[in-house]
PDB file of N, CA and C in Angstrom:
ATOM      1  N   UNK A   1       0.844  -1.171   0.000  1.00  0.00           N
ATOM      2  CA  UNK A   1       0.000   0.000   0.000  1.00  0.00           C
ATOM      3  C   UNK A   1       0.891   1.237   0.000  1.00  0.00           C
ATOM      4  N   UNK A   2       0.664   2.151  -0.906  1.00  0.00           N
ATOM      5  CA  UNK A   2       1.512   3.337  -1.015  1.00  0.00           C
ATOM      6  C   UNK A   2       1.119   4.376   0.029  1.00  0.00           C
ATOM      7  N   UNK A   3       2.121   5.135   0.420  1.00  0.00           N
ATOM      8  CA  UNK A   3       1.875   6.163   1.428  1.00  0.00           C
ATOM      9  C   UNK A   3       1.245   7.389   0.775  1.00  0.00           C
ATOM     10  N   UNK A   4       0.497   8.081   1.560  1.00  0.00           N
ATOM     11  CA  UNK A   4      -0.132   9.297   1.048  1.00  0.00           C
ATOM     12  C   UNK A   4       0.874  10.434   1.098  1.00  0.00           C
ATOM     13  N   UNK A   5       0.541  11.489   0.426  1.00  0.00           N
ATOM     14  CA  UNK A   5       1.404  12.668   0.424  1.00  0.00           C
ATOM     15  C   UNK A   5       1.567  13.235   1.832  1.00  0.00           C
ATOM     16  N   UNK A   6       0.519  13.178   2.624  1.00  0.00           N
ATOM     17  CA  UNK A   6       0.592  13.692   4.001  1.00  0.00           C
ATOM     18  C   UNK A   6       1.611  12.900   4.811  1.00  0.00           C
ATOM     19  N   UNK A   7       1.632  11.584   4.631  1.00  0.00           N
ATOM     20  CA  UNK A   7       2.603  10.747   5.340  1.00  0.00           C
ATOM     21  C   UNK A   7       4.015  11.049   4.872  1.00  0.00           C
ATOM     22  N   UNK A   8       4.199  11.245   3.583  1.00  0.00           N
ATOM     23  CA  UNK A   8       5.524  11.597   3.044  1.00  0.00           C
ATOM     24  C   UNK A   8       5.996  12.925   3.612  1.00  0.00           C
ATOM     25  N   UNK A   9       5.094  13.890   3.650  1.00  0.00           N
ATOM     26  CA  UNK A   9       5.446  15.207   4.203  1.00  0.00           C
ATOM     27  C   UNK A   9       5.855  15.073   5.661  1.00  0.00           C
ATOM     28  N   UNK A  10       5.133  14.289   6.420  1.00  0.00           N
ATOM     29  CA  UNK A  10       5.453  14.084   7.833  1.00  0.00           C
ATOM     30  C   UNK A  10       6.827  13.422   7.987  1.00  0.00           C
ATOM     31  N   UNK A  11       7.116  12.444   7.140  1.00  0.00           N
ATOM     32  CA  UNK A  11       8.411  11.772   7.184  1.00  0.00           C
ATOM     33  C   UNK A  11       9.537  12.741   6.855  1.00  0.00           C
ATOM     34  N   UNK A  12       9.328  13.559   5.856  1.00  0.00           N
ATOM     35  CA  UNK A  12      10.348  14.536   5.449  1.00  0.00           C
ATOM     36  C   UNK A  12      10.562  15.579   6.542  1.00  0.00           C
ATOM     37  N   UNK A  13       9.483  16.026   7.170  1.00  0.00           N
ATOM     38  CA  UNK A  13       9.610  16.979   8.278  1.00  0.00           C
ATOM     39  C   UNK A  13      10.429  16.371   9.420  1.00  0.00           C
ATOM     40  N   UNK A  14      10.182  15.105   9.698  1.00  0.00           N
ATOM     41  CA  UNK A  14      10.932  14.421  10.751  1.00  0.00           C
ATOM     42  C   UNK A  14      12.416  14.333  10.388  1.00  0.00           C
ATOM     43  N   UNK A  15      12.696  14.026   9.124  1.00  0.00           N
ATOM     44  CA  UNK A  15      14.085  13.966   8.671  1.00  0.00           C
ATOM     45  C   UNK A  15      14.749  15.341   8.772  1.00  0.00           C
ATOM     46  N   UNK A  16      14.021  16.376   8.419  1.00  0.00           N
ATOM     47  CA  UNK A  16      14.545  17.748   8.521  1.00  0.00           C
ATOM     48  C   UNK A  16      14.882  18.066   9.978  1.00  0.00           C
ATOM     49  N   UNK A  17      13.988  17.705  10.886  1.00  0.00           N
ATOM     50  CA  UNK A  17      14.229  17.958  12.310  1.00  0.00           C
ATOM     51  C   UNK A  17      15.467  17.199  12.790  1.00  0.00           C
ATOM     52  N   UNK A  18      15.616  15.945  12.359  1.00  0.00           N
ATOM     53  CA  UNK A  18      16.786  15.154  12.744  1.00  0.00           C
ATOM     54  C   UNK A  18      18.072  15.779  12.197  1.00  0.00           C
ATOM     55  N   UNK A  19      18.037  16.203  10.944  1.00  0.00           N
ATOM     56  CA  UNK A  19      19.214  16.828  10.345  1.00  0.00           C
ATOM     57  C   UNK A  19      19.557  18.152  11.034  1.00  0.00           C
ATOM     58  N   UNK A  20      18.553  18.907  11.411  1.00  0.00           N
ATOM     59  CA  UNK A  20      18.785  20.167  12.121  1.00  0.00           C
ATOM     60  C   UNK A  20      19.435  19.900  13.477  1.00  0.00           C
ATOM     61  N   UNK A  21      18.976  18.866  14.171  1.00  0.00           N
ATOM     62  CA  UNK A  21      19.588  18.498  15.448  1.00  0.00           C
ATOM     63  C   UNK A  21      21.036  18.050  15.263  1.00  0.00           C
ATOM     64  N   UNK A  22      21.297  17.294  14.207  1.00  0.00           N
ATOM     65  CA  UNK A  22      22.672  16.884  13.916  1.00  0.00           C
ATOM     66  C   UNK A  22      23.555  18.091  13.635  1.00  0.00           C
ATOM     67  N   UNK A  23      23.021  19.060  12.891  1.00  0.00           N
ATOM     68  CA  UNK A  23      23.764  20.280  12.582  1.00  0.00           C
ATOM     69  C   UNK A  23      24.107  21.038  13.862  1.00  0.00           C
ATOM     70  N   UNK A  24      23.117  21.154  14.743  1.00  0.00           N
ATOM     71  CA  UNK A  24      23.337  21.846  16.013  1.00  0.00           C
ATOM     72  C   UNK A  24      24.404  21.142  16.845  1.00  0.00           C
ATOM     73  N   UNK A  25      24.352  19.815  16.881  1.00  0.00           N
ATOM     74  CA  UNK A  25      25.341  19.054  17.643  1.00  0.00           C
ATOM     75  C   UNK A  25      26.740  19.242  17.072  1.00  0.00           C
ATOM     76  N   UNK A  26      26.851  19.240  15.751  1.00  0.00           N
ATOM     77  CA  UNK A  26      28.155  19.449  15.119  1.00  0.00           C
ATOM     78  C   UNK A  26      28.689  20.847  15.393  1.00  0.00           C
ATOM     79  N   UNK A  27      27.815  21.846  15.345  1.00  0.00           N
ATOM     80  CA  UNK A  27      28.240  23.213  15.655  1.00  0.00           C
ATOM     81  C   UNK A  27      28.708  23.320  17.107  1.00  0.00           C
ATOM     82  N   UNK A  28      27.992  22.654  18.008  1.00  0.00           N
ATOM     83  CA  UNK A  28      28.360  22.661  19.425  1.00  0.00           C
ATOM     84  C   UNK A  28      29.720  21.994  19.633  1.00  0.00           C
ATOM     85  N   UNK A  29      29.968  20.872  18.955  1.00  0.00           N
ATOM     86  CA  UNK A  29      31.261  20.199  19.056  1.00  0.00           C
ATOM     87  C   UNK A  29      32.382  21.086  18.517  1.00  0.00           C
ATOM     88  N   UNK A  30      32.122  21.781  17.424  1.00  0.00           N
ATOM     89  CA  UNK A  30      33.121  22.667  16.834  1.00  0.00           C
ATOM     90  C   UNK A  30      33.463  23.812  17.786  1.00  0.00           C
ATOM     91  N   UNK A  31      32.447  24.423  18.400  1.00  0.00           N
ATOM     92  CA  UNK A  31      32.682  25.498  19.363  1.00  0.00           C
ATOM     93  C   UNK A  31      33.480  24.992  20.561  1.00  0.00           C
ATOM     94  N   UNK A  32      33.135  23.806  21.036  1.00  0.00           N
ATOM     95  CA  UNK A  32      33.846  23.228  22.173  1.00  0.00           C
ATOM     96  C   UNK A  32      35.306  22.968  21.813  1.00  0.00           C
ATOM     97  N   UNK A  33      35.537  22.461  20.622  1.00  0.00           N
ATOM     98  CA  UNK A  33      36.894  22.199  20.161  1.00  0.00           C
ATOM     99  C   UNK A  33      37.696  23.501  20.073  1.00  0.00           C
ATOM    100  N   UNK A  34      37.075  24.551  19.561  1.00  0.00           N
ATOM    101  CA  UNK A  34      37.745  25.852  19.468  1.00  0.00           C
ATOM    102  C   UNK A  34      38.061  26.405  20.854  1.00  0.00           C
ATOM    103  N   UNK A  35      37.126  26.255  21.802  1.00  0.00           N
ATOM    104  CA  UNK A  35      37.360  26.719  23.176  1.00  0.00           C
ATOM    105  C   UNK A  35      38.528  25.979  23.813  1.00  0.00           C
ATOM    106  N   UNK A  36      38.567  24.659  23.624  1.00  0.00           N
ATOM    107  CA  UNK A  36      39.649  23.863  24.199  1.00  0.00           C
ATOM    108  C   UNK A  36      40.994  24.262  23.593  1.00  0.00           C
ATOM    109  N   UNK A  37      41.032  24.476  22.288  1.00  0.00           N
ATOM    110  CA  UNK A  37      42.277  24.878  21.627  1.00  0.00           C
ATOM    111  C   UNK A  37      42.730  26.246  22.129  1.00  0.00           C
ATOM    112  N   UNK A  38      41.792  27.151  22.319  1.00  0.00           N
ATOM    113  CA  UNK A  38      42.112  28.494  22.817  1.00  0.00           C
ATOM    114  C   UNK A  38      42.654  28.425  24.243  1.00  0.00           C
ATOM    115  N   UNK A  39      42.004  27.637  25.087  1.00  0.00           N
ATOM    116  CA  UNK A  39      42.454  27.484  26.468  1.00  0.00           C
ATOM    117  C   UNK A  39      43.853  26.869  26.509  1.00  0.00           C
ATOM    118  N   UNK A  40      44.084  25.860  25.693  1.00  0.00           N
ATOM    119  CA  UNK A  40      45.404  25.227  25.646  1.00  0.00           C
ATOM    120  C   UNK A  40      46.458  26.234  25.198  1.00  0.00           C
ATOM    121  N   UNK A  41      46.123  27.030  24.192  1.00  0.00           N
ATOM    122  CA  UNK A  41      47.053  28.052  23.695  1.00  0.00           C
ATOM    123  C   UNK A  41      47.370  29.069  24.784  1.00  0.00           C
ATOM    124  N   UNK A  42      46.340  29.537  25.497  1.00  0.00           N
ATOM    125  CA  UNK A  42      46.555  30.493  26.586  1.00  0.00           C
ATOM    126  C   UNK A  42      47.477  29.911  27.649  1.00  0.00           C
ATOM    127  N   UNK A  43      47.203  28.686  28.052  1.00  0.00           N
ATOM    128  CA  UNK A  43      48.000  28.055  29.112  1.00  0.00           C
ATOM    129  C   UNK A  43      49.448  27.860  28.678  1.00  0.00           C
ATOM    130  N   UNK A  44      49.661  27.366  27.479  1.00  0.00           N
ATOM    131  CA  UNK A  44      51.034  27.093  27.035  1.00  0.00           C
ATOM    132  C   UNK A  44      51.813  28.391  26.849  1.00  0.00           C
ATOM    133  N   UNK A  45      51.173  29.430  26.330  1.00  0.00           N
ATOM    134  CA  UNK A  45      51.880  30.697  26.119  1.00  0.00           C
ATOM    135  C   UNK A  45      52.168  31.399  27.436  1.00  0.00           C
ATOM    136  N   UNK A  46      51.229  31.341  28.364  1.00  0.00           N
ATOM    137  CA  UNK A  46      51.480  31.955  29.667  1.00  0.00           C
ATOM    138  C   UNK A  46      52.574  31.164  30.394  1.00  0.00           C
ATOM    139  N   UNK A  47      52.572  29.869  30.217  1.00  0.00           N
ATOM    140  CA  UNK A  47      53.621  29.039  30.812  1.00  0.00           C
ATOM    141  C   UNK A  47      54.995  29.406  30.285  1.00  0.00           C
ATOM    142  N   UNK A  48      55.069  29.693  28.992  1.00  0.00           N
ATOM    143  CA  UNK A  48      56.346  30.130  28.417  1.00  0.00           C
ATOM    144  C   UNK A  48      56.794  31.457  29.014  1.00  0.00           C
ATOM    145  N   UNK A  49      55.850  32.378  29.185  1.00  0.00           N
ATOM    146  CA  UNK A  49      56.202  33.656  29.807  1.00  0.00           C
ATOM    147  C   UNK A  49      56.782  33.438  31.196  1.00  0.00           C
ATOM    148  N   UNK A  50      56.119  32.613  31.991  1.00  0.00           N
ATOM    149  CA  UNK A  50      56.585  32.364  33.350  1.00  0.00           C
ATOM    150  C   UNK A  50      57.896  31.585  33.364  1.00  0.00           C
ATOM    151  N   UNK A  51      58.115  30.759  32.353  1.00  0.00           N
ATOM    152  CA  UNK A  51      59.364  30.006  32.267  1.00  0.00           C
ATOM    153  C   UNK A  51      60.543  30.957  32.098  1.00  0.00           C
ATOM    154  N   UNK A  52      60.409  31.921  31.207  1.00  0.00           N
ATOM    155  CA  UNK A  52      61.507  32.828  30.912  1.00  0.00           C
ATOM    156  C   UNK A  52      61.538  34.051  31.826  1.00  0.00           C
ATOM    157  N   UNK A  53      60.416  34.328  32.485  1.00  0.00           N
ATOM    158  CA  UNK A  53      60.343  35.466  33.395  1.00  0.00           C
ATOM    159  C   UNK A  53      59.600  35.037  34.658  1.00  0.00           C
ATOM    160  N   UNK A  54      60.248  34.277  35.539  1.00  0.00           N
ATOM    161  CA  UNK A  54      59.561  33.734  36.711  1.00  0.00           C
ATOM    162  C   UNK A  54      58.988  34.797  37.650  1.00  0.00           C
ATOM    163  N   UNK A  55      59.506  36.011  37.611  1.00  0.00           N
ATOM    164  CA  UNK A  55      58.976  37.074  38.470  1.00  0.00           C
ATOM    165  C   UNK A  55      57.535  37.434  38.121  1.00  0.00           C
ATOM    166  N   UNK A  56      57.087  37.061  36.945  1.00  0.00           N
ATOM    167  CA  UNK A  56      55.707  37.346  36.547  1.00  0.00           C
ATOM    168  C   UNK A  56      54.706  36.628  37.451  1.00  0.00           C
ATOM    169  N   UNK A  57      55.111  35.536  38.047  1.00  0.00           N
ATOM    170  CA  UNK A  57      54.211  34.741  38.885  1.00  0.00           C
ATOM    171  C   UNK A  57      53.662  35.578  40.039  1.00  0.00           C
ATOM    172  N   UNK A  58      54.468  36.483  40.569  1.00  0.00           N
ATOM    173  CA  UNK A  58      54.072  37.261  41.742  1.00  0.00           C
ATOM    174  C   UNK A  58      53.198  38.468  41.405  1.00  0.00           C
ATOM    175  N   UNK A  59      53.033  38.792  40.115  1.00  0.00           N
ATOM    176  CA  UNK A  59      52.270  39.974  39.726  1.00  0.00           C
ATOM    177  C   UNK A  59      50.768  39.755  39.862  1.00  0.00           C
ATOM    178  N   UNK A  60      50.070  40.827  40.174  1.00  0.00           N
ATOM    179  CA  UNK A  60      48.607  40.790  40.135  1.00  0.00           C
ATOM    180  C   UNK A  60      48.174  40.868  38.679  1.00  0.00           C
ATOM    181  N   UNK A  61      46.896  40.648  38.420  1.00  0.00           N
ATOM    182  CA  UNK A  61      46.385  40.745  37.048  1.00  0.00           C
ATOM    183  C   UNK A  61      46.602  42.143  36.484  1.00  0.00           C
ATOM    184  N   UNK A  62      46.383  43.169  37.314  1.00  0.00           N
ATOM    185  CA  UNK A  62      46.563  44.550  36.851  1.00  0.00           C
ATOM    186  C   UNK A  62      48.028  44.817  36.521  1.00  0.00           C
ATOM    187  N   UNK A  63      48.938  44.326  37.359  1.00  0.00           N
ATOM    188  CA  UNK A  63      50.364  44.516  37.101  1.00  0.00           C
ATOM    189  C   UNK A  63      50.787  43.767  35.839  1.00  0.00           C
ATOM    190  N   UNK A  64      50.255  42.571  35.648  1.00  0.00           N
ATOM    191  CA  UNK A  64      50.578  41.798  34.449  1.00  0.00           C
ATOM    192  C   UNK A  64      50.093  42.533  33.196  1.00  0.00           C
ATOM    193  N   UNK A  65      48.898  43.094  33.279  1.00  0.00           N
ATOM    194  CA  UNK A  65      48.374  43.856  32.143  1.00  0.00           C
ATOM    195  C   UNK A  65      49.259  45.055  31.842  1.00  0.00           C
ATOM    196  N   UNK A  66      49.702  45.748  32.875  1.00  0.00           N
ATOM    197  CA  UNK A  66      50.604  46.885  32.685  1.00  0.00           C
ATOM    198  C   UNK A  66      51.904  46.430  32.035  1.00  0.00           C
ATOM    199  N   UNK A  67      52.443  45.296  32.492  1.00  0.00           N
ATOM    200  CA  UNK A  67      53.660  44.746  31.890  1.00  0.00           C
ATOM    201  C   UNK A  67      53.460  44.493  30.399  1.00  0.00           C
ATOM    202  N   UNK A  68      52.350  43.869  30.052  1.00  0.00           N
ATOM    203  CA  UNK A  68      52.080  43.566  28.637  1.00  0.00           C
ATOM    204  C   UNK A  68      51.962  44.863  27.836  1.00  0.00           C
ATOM    205  N   UNK A  69      51.202  45.823  28.360  1.00  0.00           N
ATOM    206  CA  UNK A  69      51.004  47.082  27.634  1.00  0.00           C
ATOM    207  C   UNK A  69      52.305  47.850  27.449  1.00  0.00           C
ATOM    208  N   UNK A  70      53.088  47.931  28.517  1.00  0.00           N
ATOM    209  CA  UNK A  70      54.293  48.753  28.464  1.00  0.00           C
ATOM    210  C   UNK A  70      55.530  48.004  27.982  1.00  0.00           C
ATOM    211  N   UNK A  71      55.550  46.694  28.175  1.00  0.00           N
ATOM    212  CA  UNK A  71      56.738  45.940  27.821  1.00  0.00           C
ATOM    213  C   UNK A  71      56.648  45.193  26.506  1.00  0.00           C
ATOM    214  N   UNK A  72      55.450  44.829  26.112  1.00  0.00           N
ATOM    215  CA  UNK A  72      55.295  44.011  24.910  1.00  0.00           C
ATOM    216  C   UNK A  72      54.543  44.756  23.812  1.00  0.00           C
ATOM    217  N   UNK A  73      53.455  45.411  24.172  1.00  0.00           N
ATOM    218  CA  UNK A  73      52.622  46.094  23.174  1.00  0.00           C
ATOM    219  C   UNK A  73      53.209  47.471  22.862  1.00  0.00           C
ATOM    220  N   UNK A  74      54.443  47.460  22.395  1.00  0.00           N
ATOM    221  CA  UNK A  74      55.150  48.690  22.025  1.00  0.00           C
ATOM    222  C   UNK A  74      55.433  48.645  20.535  1.00  0.00           C
ATOM    223  N   UNK A  75      55.978  49.742  20.012  1.00  0.00           N
ATOM    224  CA  UNK A  75      56.344  49.739  18.592  1.00  0.00           C
ATOM    225  C   UNK A  75      57.364  48.641  18.313  1.00  0.00           C
ATOM    226  N   UNK A  76      58.314  48.487  19.216  1.00  0.00           N
ATOM    227  CA  UNK A  76      59.314  47.441  19.029  1.00  0.00           C
ATOM    228  C   UNK A  76      58.660  46.051  19.058  1.00  0.00           C
ATOM    229  N   UNK A  77      57.774  45.828  20.020  1.00  0.00           N
ATOM    230  CA  UNK A  77      57.074  44.552  20.102  1.00  0.00           C
ATOM    231  C   UNK A  77      56.269  44.263  18.849  1.00  0.00           C
ATOM    232  N   UNK A  78      55.576  45.288  18.331  1.00  0.00           N
ATOM    233  CA  UNK A  78      54.803  45.110  17.091  1.00  0.00           C
ATOM    234  C   UNK A  78      55.719  44.821  15.912  1.00  0.00           C
ATOM    235  N   UNK A  79      56.893  45.481  15.878  1.00  0.00           N
ATOM    236  CA  UNK A  79      57.803  45.235  14.756  1.00  0.00           C
ATOM    237  C   UNK A  79      58.355  43.812  14.802  1.00  0.00           C
ATOM    238  N   UNK A  80      58.650  43.300  15.987  1.00  0.00           N
ATOM    239  CA  UNK A  80      59.121  41.915  16.117  1.00  0.00           C
ATOM    240  C   UNK A  80      58.013  40.960  15.687  1.00  0.00           C
ATOM    241  N   UNK A  81      56.789  41.211  16.141  1.00  0.00           N
ATOM    242  CA  UNK A  81      55.658  40.363  15.760  1.00  0.00           C
ATOM    243  C   UNK A  81      55.449  40.387  14.251  1.00  0.00           C
ATOM    244  N   UNK A  82      55.505  41.562  13.655  1.00  0.00           N
ATOM    245  CA  UNK A  82      55.335  41.685  12.203  1.00  0.00           C
ATOM    246  C   UNK A  82      56.425  40.920  11.468  1.00  0.00           C
ATOM    247  N   UNK A  83      57.642  41.014  11.976  1.00  0.00           N
ATOM    248  CA  UNK A  83      58.763  40.299  11.366  1.00  0.00           C
ATOM    249  C   UNK A  83      58.553  38.787  11.427  1.00  0.00           C
ATOM    250  N   UNK A  84      58.110  38.293  12.571  1.00  0.00           N
ATOM    251  CA  UNK A  84      57.874  36.853  12.728  1.00  0.00           C
ATOM    252  C   UNK A  84      56.748  36.390  11.818  1.00  0.00           C
ATOM    253  N   UNK A  85      55.671  37.152  11.791  1.00  0.00           N
ATOM    254  CA  UNK A  85      54.527  36.777  10.951  1.00  0.00           C
ATOM    255  C   UNK A  85      54.887  36.858   9.477  1.00  0.00           C
ATOM    256  N   UNK A  86      55.632  37.878   9.097  1.00  0.00           N
ATOM    257  CA  UNK A  86      56.035  38.027   7.696  1.00  0.00           C
ATOM    258  C   UNK A  86      56.921  36.871   7.255  1.00  0.00           C
ATOM    259  N   UNK A  87      57.756  36.372   8.165  1.00  0.00           N
ATOM    260  CA  UNK A  87      58.623  35.246   7.832  1.00  0.00           C
ATOM    261  C   UNK A  87      57.800  34.001   7.521  1.00  0.00           C
ATOM    262  N   UNK A  88      56.640  33.877   8.162  1.00  0.00           N
ATOM    263  CA  UNK A  88      55.740  32.748   7.887  1.00  0.00           C
ATOM    264  C   UNK A  88      54.974  32.958   6.596  1.00  0.00           C
ATOM    265  N   UNK A  89      54.772  34.213   6.228  1.00  0.00           N
ATOM    266  CA  UNK A  89      54.043  34.514   5.003  1.00  0.00           C
ATOM    267  C   UNK A  89      52.550  34.677   5.185  1.00  0.00           C
ATOM    268  N   UNK A  90      52.056  34.511   6.407  1.00  0.00           N
ATOM    269  CA  UNK A  90      50.633  34.700   6.674  1.00  0.00           C
ATOM    270  C   UNK A  90      50.463  35.470   7.955  1.00  0.00           C
ATOM    271  N   UNK A  91      49.304  36.100   8.088  1.00  0.00           N
ATOM    272  CA  UNK A  91      48.998  36.856   9.295  1.00  0.00           C
ATOM    273  C   UNK A  91      48.026  36.097  10.167  1.00  0.00           C
ATOM    274  N   UNK A  92      47.385  36.827  11.041  1.00  0.00           N
ATOM    275  CA  UNK A  92      46.421  36.240  11.957  1.00  0.00           C
ATOM    276  C   UNK A  92      45.273  35.629  11.167  1.00  0.00           C
ATOM    277  N   UNK A  93      44.887  34.417  11.533  1.00  0.00           N
ATOM    278  CA  UNK A  93      43.789  33.682  10.883  1.00  0.00           C
ATOM    279  C   UNK A  93      44.024  33.482   9.395  1.00  0.00           C
ATOM    280  N   UNK A  94      45.304  33.400   8.974  1.00  0.00           N
ATOM    281  CA  UNK A  94      45.599  33.134   7.576  1.00  0.00           C
ATOM    282  C   UNK A  94      45.535  34.350   6.682  1.00  0.00           C
ATOM    283  N   UNK A  95      45.333  35.531   7.254  1.00  0.00           N
ATOM    284  CA  UNK A  95      45.264  36.750   6.462  1.00  0.00           C
ATOM    285  C   UNK A  95      46.671  37.222   6.119  1.00  0.00           C
ATOM    286  N   UNK A  96      46.741  38.312   5.381  1.00  0.00           N
ATOM    287  CA  UNK A  96      48.043  38.871   5.062  1.00  0.00           C
ATOM    288  C   UNK A  96      48.688  39.405   6.316  1.00  0.00           C
ATOM    289  N   UNK A  97      50.008  39.539   6.344  1.00  0.00           N
ATOM    290  CA  UNK A  97      50.698  39.980   7.561  1.00  0.00           C
ATOM    291  C   UNK A  97      50.219  41.323   8.066  1.00  0.00           C
ATOM    292  N   UNK A  98      50.245  41.480   9.399  1.00  0.00           N
ATOM    293  CA  UNK A  98      49.841  42.740   9.979  1.00  0.00           C
ATOM    294  C   UNK A  98      50.988  43.739   9.878  1.00  0.00           C
ATOM    295  N   UNK A  99      50.661  44.999   9.805  1.00  0.00           N
ATOM    296  CA  UNK A  99      51.693  46.022   9.798  1.00  0.00           C
ATOM    297  C   UNK A  99      51.402  47.060  10.845  1.00  0.00           C
ATOM    298  N   UNK A 100      50.325  47.787  10.701  1.00  0.00           N
ATOM    299  CA  UNK A 100      50.011  48.858  11.631  1.00  0.00           C
ATOM    300  C   UNK A 100      48.656  48.648  12.286  1.00  0.00           C
ATOM    301  N   UNK A 101      48.295  47.393  12.605  1.00  0.00           N
ATOM    302  CA  UNK A 101      47.000  47.136  13.213  1.00  0.00           C
ATOM    303  C   UNK A 101      46.927  47.631  14.649  1.00  0.00           C
ATOM    304  N   UNK A 102      48.038  47.592  15.367  1.00  0.00           N
ATOM    305  CA  UNK A 102      48.056  47.966  16.777  1.00  0.00           C
ATOM    306  C   UNK A 102      48.590  49.374  16.944  1.00  0.00           C
ATOM    307  N   UNK A 103      47.846  50.201  17.602  1.00  0.00           N
ATOM    308  CA  UNK A 103      48.281  51.553  17.903  1.00  0.00           C
ATOM    309  C   UNK A 103      48.312  51.733  19.394  1.00  0.00           C
ATOM    310  N   UNK A 104      49.389  52.299  19.921  1.00  0.00           N
ATOM    311  CA  UNK A 104      49.476  52.547  21.360  1.00  0.00           C
ATOM    312  C   UNK A 104      49.426  54.021  21.602  1.00  0.00           C
TER     313      UNK A 104
END
């Protein structure tokens, strides 16, 4: 016995709902993966800072921010970053290298 059009429509709607749920789950997994990668990057880079500059451990968050602003986010710091990125041939997120994106 063949199905009616109403039954076919209901089946297709159910399939659409299932596919939408799968899409949502995949998007959620992707976001979680990006968060984990970001957290790992933060931890490893901060660990490197503390490895080479152990005195940073004793700083408050405000003092650390001041250190970054005054010690790293300078014209010299930007020029070193630009040089490193240019040597790779790509910039942030695969874009062209940065030059004057940061202004202090």
